[in-house]
């Protein structure tokens, strides 16, 4: 319940635009997902998770889920750069900025995204 309350509060303030889309994180017990969304057109520009075919082997080599999340973050940044997206707004979707969510954000920063 706490996550939904935090999510509701943050949703009022965070919005993705064509110039600065929103990176949304969803975290399940086993996987982590990231999507870059343009809220004005209501379009998902790209998405990735540790189930993505291109990085599946790298993720399997990772020893922890935190390492896997960092790999997913780097991959999202790489795909975003290919689509000329450099600046984003980070939406942690009500999750605490800790552990896997933090690792995904740091991986995206390492990959060249600014937020």
N, C-alpha and C. Protein backbone atom coordinates (compact mmCIF):
# COMPACT_ATOMS: atom_id res chain seq x y z
N UNK A 1 0.80 -1.19 0.00
CA UNK A 1 0.00 0.00 0.00
C UNK A 1 0.85 1.26 0.00
N UNK A 2 1.96 1.26 0.72
CA UNK A 2 2.81 2.44 0.78
C UNK A 2 3.33 2.81 -0.61
N UNK A 3 3.67 1.78 -1.40
CA UNK A 3 4.17 2.05 -2.74
C UNK A 3 3.12 2.78 -3.57
N UNK A 4 1.87 2.38 -3.46
CA UNK A 4 0.81 3.01 -4.26
C UNK A 4 0.61 4.46 -3.84
N UNK A 5 0.76 4.74 -2.54
CA UNK A 5 0.64 6.12 -2.07
C UNK A 5 1.78 6.97 -2.60
N UNK A 6 3.00 6.46 -2.54
CA UNK A 6 4.14 7.20 -3.08
C UNK A 6 3.99 7.41 -4.57
N UNK A 7 3.52 6.38 -5.28
CA UNK A 7 3.33 6.45 -6.73
C UNK A 7 2.32 7.53 -7.09
N UNK A 8 1.24 7.57 -6.36
CA UNK A 8 0.18 8.54 -6.62
C UNK A 8 0.70 9.98 -6.42
N UNK A 9 1.47 10.20 -5.36
CA UNK A 9 2.03 11.54 -5.11
C UNK A 9 2.98 11.96 -6.22
N UNK A 10 3.86 11.04 -6.64
CA UNK A 10 4.87 11.36 -7.65
C UNK A 10 4.26 11.55 -9.03
N UNK A 11 3.19 10.84 -9.32
CA UNK A 11 2.56 10.89 -10.63
C UNK A 11 2.04 12.29 -10.96
N UNK A 12 1.68 13.06 -9.93
CA UNK A 12 1.20 14.42 -10.13
C UNK A 12 2.29 15.33 -10.69
N UNK A 13 3.53 15.07 -10.32
CA UNK A 13 4.63 15.98 -10.64
C UNK A 13 5.44 15.55 -11.86
N UNK A 14 5.50 14.27 -12.14
CA UNK A 14 6.37 13.76 -13.19
C UNK A 14 5.58 13.55 -14.47
N UNK A 15 6.10 14.12 -15.58
CA UNK A 15 5.47 13.92 -16.88
C UNK A 15 6.54 13.95 -17.95
N UNK A 16 6.46 13.01 -18.88
CA UNK A 16 7.42 12.95 -19.97
C UNK A 16 6.95 13.78 -21.15
N UNK A 17 7.88 14.47 -21.79
CA UNK A 17 7.59 15.27 -22.97
C UNK A 17 8.41 14.73 -24.13
N UNK A 18 8.14 15.17 -25.37
CA UNK A 18 8.98 14.71 -26.49
C UNK A 18 10.46 15.07 -26.31
N UNK A 19 10.74 16.24 -25.70
CA UNK A 19 12.13 16.65 -25.50
C UNK A 19 12.78 15.91 -24.34
N UNK A 20 11.97 15.55 -23.35
CA UNK A 20 12.49 14.90 -22.15
C UNK A 20 11.51 13.81 -21.71
N UNK A 21 11.58 12.63 -22.35
CA UNK A 21 10.64 11.55 -22.00
C UNK A 21 10.91 10.98 -20.60
N UNK A 22 10.02 10.14 -20.16
CA UNK A 22 10.05 9.59 -18.80
C UNK A 22 10.55 8.15 -18.83
N UNK A 23 11.51 7.83 -17.98
CA UNK A 23 11.98 6.45 -17.81
C UNK A 23 11.24 5.86 -16.62
N UNK A 24 10.37 4.89 -16.89
CA UNK A 24 9.54 4.26 -15.87
C UNK A 24 10.15 2.92 -15.50
N UNK A 25 10.21 2.64 -14.21
CA UNK A 25 10.77 1.38 -13.72
C UNK A 25 9.64 0.54 -13.12
N UNK A 26 9.62 -0.75 -13.49
CA UNK A 26 8.74 -1.70 -12.81
C UNK A 26 9.62 -2.83 -12.32
N UNK A 27 9.41 -3.21 -11.08
CA UNK A 27 10.26 -4.22 -10.45
C UNK A 27 9.37 -5.33 -9.91
N UNK A 28 9.60 -6.55 -10.39
CA UNK A 28 8.92 -7.70 -9.79
C UNK A 28 9.95 -8.41 -8.91
N UNK A 29 9.56 -9.51 -8.32
CA UNK A 29 10.50 -10.21 -7.45
C UNK A 29 11.69 -10.78 -8.23
N UNK A 30 11.47 -11.14 -9.48
CA UNK A 30 12.49 -11.81 -10.26
C UNK A 30 13.10 -10.93 -11.35
N UNK A 31 12.32 -10.03 -11.92
CA UNK A 31 12.75 -9.26 -13.09
C UNK A 31 12.64 -7.77 -12.82
N UNK A 32 13.28 -6.98 -13.70
CA UNK A 32 13.15 -5.53 -13.66
C UNK A 32 12.92 -5.05 -15.09
N UNK A 33 12.03 -4.09 -15.23
CA UNK A 33 11.64 -3.58 -16.54
C UNK A 33 11.84 -2.08 -16.56
N UNK A 34 12.22 -1.55 -17.70
CA UNK A 34 12.33 -0.10 -17.88
C UNK A 34 11.72 0.28 -19.21
N UNK A 35 10.96 1.36 -19.23
CA UNK A 35 10.36 1.87 -20.45
C UNK A 35 10.58 3.36 -20.53
N UNK A 36 10.83 3.85 -21.74
CA UNK A 36 10.90 5.28 -21.96
C UNK A 36 9.61 5.68 -22.65
N UNK A 37 8.88 6.62 -22.01
CA UNK A 37 7.53 6.96 -22.43
C UNK A 37 7.41 8.46 -22.71
N UNK A 38 6.71 8.81 -23.79
CA UNK A 38 6.34 10.19 -24.09
C UNK A 38 4.88 10.35 -23.69
N UNK A 39 4.62 11.06 -22.60
CA UNK A 39 3.26 11.17 -22.07
C UNK A 39 2.36 12.08 -22.90
N UNK A 40 2.93 13.03 -23.62
CA UNK A 40 2.08 13.92 -24.41
C UNK A 40 1.41 13.18 -25.56
N UNK A 41 2.14 12.25 -26.19
CA UNK A 41 1.57 11.44 -27.27
C UNK A 41 1.08 10.09 -26.77
N UNK A 42 1.31 9.79 -25.51
CA UNK A 42 0.95 8.51 -24.90
C UNK A 42 1.54 7.34 -25.68
N UNK A 43 2.85 7.42 -25.93
CA UNK A 43 3.56 6.38 -26.68
C UNK A 43 4.75 5.88 -25.87
N UNK A 44 4.96 4.58 -25.95
CA UNK A 44 6.17 3.99 -25.39
C UNK A 44 7.22 4.01 -26.48
N UNK A 45 8.31 4.73 -26.25
CA UNK A 45 9.35 4.87 -27.25
C UNK A 45 10.26 3.65 -27.31
N UNK A 46 10.56 3.08 -26.16
CA UNK A 46 11.35 1.85 -26.11
C UNK A 46 11.23 1.22 -24.74
N UNK A 47 11.54 -0.02 -24.66
CA UNK A 47 11.47 -0.73 -23.39
C UNK A 47 12.48 -1.85 -23.35
N UNK A 48 12.87 -2.24 -22.16
CA UNK A 48 13.83 -3.33 -22.00
C UNK A 48 13.65 -3.94 -20.61
N UNK A 49 14.09 -5.17 -20.49
CA UNK A 49 14.08 -5.85 -19.19
C UNK A 49 15.21 -6.87 -19.20
N UNK A 50 15.35 -7.59 -18.10
CA UNK A 50 16.37 -8.62 -18.10
C UNK A 50 15.90 -9.86 -18.85
N UNK A 51 14.76 -9.78 -19.52
CA UNK A 51 14.30 -10.84 -20.41
C UNK A 51 14.57 -10.51 -21.88
N UNK A 52 15.08 -9.30 -22.16
CA UNK A 52 15.35 -8.88 -23.53
C UNK A 52 16.37 -9.80 -24.18
N UNK A 53 16.11 -10.18 -25.41
CA UNK A 53 16.95 -11.16 -26.10
C UNK A 53 18.40 -10.69 -26.25
N UNK A 54 18.60 -9.40 -26.51
CA UNK A 54 19.94 -8.89 -26.77
C UNK A 54 20.87 -8.96 -25.55
N UNK A 55 20.31 -8.88 -24.36
CA UNK A 55 21.15 -8.86 -23.16
C UNK A 55 20.93 -10.06 -22.25
N UNK A 56 20.14 -11.00 -22.68
CA UNK A 56 19.80 -12.15 -21.83
C UNK A 56 21.04 -12.90 -21.35
N UNK A 57 22.03 -13.09 -22.23
CA UNK A 57 23.24 -13.82 -21.84
C UNK A 57 24.06 -13.05 -20.81
N UNK A 58 24.18 -11.72 -20.99
CA UNK A 58 24.91 -10.91 -20.02
C UNK A 58 24.23 -10.95 -18.65
N UNK A 59 22.91 -10.92 -18.66
CA UNK A 59 22.16 -10.93 -17.41
C UNK A 59 22.34 -12.26 -16.69
N UNK A 60 22.38 -13.35 -17.44
CA UNK A 60 22.58 -14.66 -16.81
C UNK A 60 23.95 -14.77 -16.16
N UNK A 61 24.95 -14.07 -16.71
CA UNK A 61 26.29 -14.09 -16.14
C UNK A 61 26.39 -13.26 -14.86
N UNK A 62 25.47 -12.32 -14.68
CA UNK A 62 25.49 -11.47 -13.49
C UNK A 62 25.24 -12.33 -12.25
N UNK A 63 25.96 -12.02 -11.18
CA UNK A 63 25.86 -12.83 -9.97
C UNK A 63 24.65 -12.45 -9.13
N UNK A 64 24.25 -11.17 -9.20
CA UNK A 64 23.11 -10.72 -8.39
C UNK A 64 22.09 -10.00 -9.27
N UNK A 65 20.91 -9.81 -8.73
CA UNK A 65 19.86 -9.08 -9.46
C UNK A 65 20.20 -7.60 -9.58
N UNK A 66 21.00 -7.09 -8.65
CA UNK A 66 21.43 -5.69 -8.71
C UNK A 66 22.34 -5.49 -9.92
N UNK A 67 23.27 -6.41 -10.13
CA UNK A 67 24.16 -6.34 -11.30
C UNK A 67 23.35 -6.44 -12.58
N UNK A 68 22.37 -7.31 -12.60
CA UNK A 68 21.51 -7.47 -13.77
C UNK A 68 20.74 -6.17 -14.05
N UNK A 69 20.30 -5.50 -13.01
CA UNK A 69 19.58 -4.23 -13.18
C UNK A 69 20.47 -3.16 -13.78
N UNK A 70 21.73 -3.14 -13.38
CA UNK A 70 22.68 -2.18 -13.95
C UNK A 70 22.88 -2.45 -15.44
N UNK A 71 22.94 -3.71 -15.83
CA UNK A 71 23.08 -4.08 -17.24
C UNK A 71 21.86 -3.61 -18.03
N UNK A 72 20.67 -3.79 -17.46
CA UNK A 72 19.43 -3.35 -18.12
C UNK A 72 19.45 -1.83 -18.28
N UNK A 73 19.91 -1.10 -17.27
CA UNK A 73 20.00 0.35 -17.35
C UNK A 73 20.93 0.81 -18.46
N UNK A 74 22.08 0.16 -18.58
CA UNK A 74 23.02 0.50 -19.66
C UNK A 74 22.42 0.22 -21.02
N UNK A 75 21.70 -0.89 -21.13
CA UNK A 75 21.07 -1.25 -22.40
C UNK A 75 19.99 -0.24 -22.78
N UNK A 76 19.20 0.19 -21.82
CA UNK A 76 18.17 1.21 -22.09
C UNK A 76 18.83 2.50 -22.59
N UNK A 77 19.93 2.88 -21.95
CA UNK A 77 20.63 4.10 -22.37
C UNK A 77 21.17 3.96 -23.79
N UNK A 78 21.70 2.80 -24.11
CA UNK A 78 22.22 2.56 -25.47
C UNK A 78 21.10 2.68 -26.51
N UNK A 79 19.96 2.05 -26.24
CA UNK A 79 18.83 2.11 -27.17
C UNK A 79 18.29 3.54 -27.28
N UNK A 80 18.29 4.28 -26.16
CA UNK A 80 17.81 5.66 -26.18
C UNK A 80 18.74 6.54 -27.01
N UNK A 81 20.04 6.34 -26.88
CA UNK A 81 20.99 7.13 -27.68
C UNK A 81 20.81 6.88 -29.17
N UNK A 82 20.47 5.64 -29.53
CA UNK A 82 20.22 5.32 -30.94
C UNK A 82 19.02 6.09 -31.47
N UNK A 83 18.07 6.42 -30.59
CA UNK A 83 16.88 7.18 -30.98
C UNK A 83 17.04 8.67 -30.67
N UNK A 84 18.28 9.10 -30.41
CA UNK A 84 18.62 10.51 -30.12
C UNK A 84 17.91 11.05 -28.88
N UNK A 85 17.78 10.23 -27.87
CA UNK A 85 17.24 10.66 -26.58
C UNK A 85 18.42 10.77 -25.62
N UNK A 86 18.64 11.98 -25.10
CA UNK A 86 19.78 12.19 -24.21
C UNK A 86 19.35 12.56 -22.79
N UNK A 87 18.23 13.29 -22.69
CA UNK A 87 17.75 13.72 -21.38
C UNK A 87 16.40 13.07 -21.10
N UNK A 88 16.24 12.60 -19.87
CA UNK A 88 15.00 11.94 -19.47
C UNK A 88 14.58 12.41 -18.08
N UNK A 89 13.38 12.04 -17.71
CA UNK A 89 12.87 12.22 -16.34
C UNK A 89 12.76 10.82 -15.76
N UNK A 90 13.29 10.61 -14.57
CA UNK A 90 13.29 9.28 -13.96
C UNK A 90 12.05 9.11 -13.09
N UNK A 91 11.26 8.08 -13.37
CA UNK A 91 10.06 7.77 -12.60
C UNK A 91 10.29 6.42 -11.93
N UNK A 92 10.49 6.43 -10.63
CA UNK A 92 10.77 5.19 -9.92
C UNK A 92 9.51 4.43 -9.58
N UNK A 93 8.35 4.99 -9.96
CA UNK A 93 7.06 4.29 -9.89
C UNK A 93 6.68 3.88 -8.46
N UNK A 94 7.07 4.71 -7.49
CA UNK A 94 6.70 4.43 -6.11
C UNK A 94 7.69 3.56 -5.35
N UNK A 95 8.67 3.01 -6.05
CA UNK A 95 9.67 2.19 -5.37
C UNK A 95 10.70 3.10 -4.71
N UNK A 96 11.30 2.64 -3.63
CA UNK A 96 12.35 3.40 -2.99
C UNK A 96 13.58 3.42 -3.90
N UNK A 97 14.30 4.52 -3.87
CA UNK A 97 15.52 4.65 -4.69
C UNK A 97 16.63 3.91 -3.95
N UNK A 98 16.65 2.60 -4.16
CA UNK A 98 17.54 1.73 -3.40
C UNK A 98 17.67 0.43 -4.16
N UNK A 99 18.78 -0.24 -4.04
CA UNK A 99 18.93 -1.58 -4.60
C UNK A 99 18.83 -1.63 -6.11
N UNK A 100 17.89 -2.43 -6.61
CA UNK A 100 17.78 -2.66 -8.06
C UNK A 100 17.33 -1.42 -8.82
N UNK A 101 16.44 -0.62 -8.22
CA UNK A 101 15.98 0.60 -8.88
C UNK A 101 17.14 1.58 -9.02
N UNK A 102 17.91 1.72 -7.97
CA UNK A 102 19.08 2.60 -8.00
C UNK A 102 20.12 2.10 -9.00
N UNK A 103 20.32 0.79 -9.06
CA UNK A 103 21.28 0.21 -10.00
C UNK A 103 20.86 0.46 -11.45
N UNK A 104 19.57 0.35 -11.74
CA UNK A 104 19.09 0.62 -13.09
C UNK A 104 19.34 2.09 -13.44
N UNK A 105 19.06 3.00 -12.52
CA UNK A 105 19.28 4.43 -12.76
C UNK A 105 20.76 4.72 -12.97
N UNK A 106 21.62 4.13 -12.16
CA UNK A 106 23.06 4.36 -12.31
C UNK A 106 23.57 3.78 -13.63
N UNK A 107 23.04 2.62 -14.02
CA UNK A 107 23.42 2.04 -15.31
C UNK A 107 23.00 2.93 -16.47
N UNK A 108 21.83 3.54 -16.38
CA UNK A 108 21.37 4.46 -17.42
C UNK A 108 22.27 5.69 -17.47
N UNK A 109 22.68 6.18 -16.31
CA UNK A 109 23.60 7.33 -16.27
C UNK A 109 24.95 6.96 -16.88
N UNK A 110 25.44 5.76 -16.55
CA UNK A 110 26.72 5.31 -17.11
C UNK A 110 26.63 5.21 -18.62
N UNK A 111 25.44 4.84 -19.12
CA UNK A 111 25.23 4.71 -20.56
C UNK A 111 25.10 6.04 -21.28
N UNK A 112 25.00 7.14 -20.54
CA UNK A 112 24.98 8.45 -21.17
C UNK A 112 23.69 9.23 -21.06
N UNK A 113 22.70 8.73 -20.33
CA UNK A 113 21.46 9.49 -20.16
C UNK A 113 21.63 10.51 -19.04
N UNK A 114 21.00 11.67 -19.21
CA UNK A 114 21.05 12.71 -18.18
C UNK A 114 19.68 12.84 -17.54
N UNK A 115 19.65 12.84 -16.21
CA UNK A 115 18.42 13.10 -15.46
C UNK A 115 18.74 13.53 -14.06
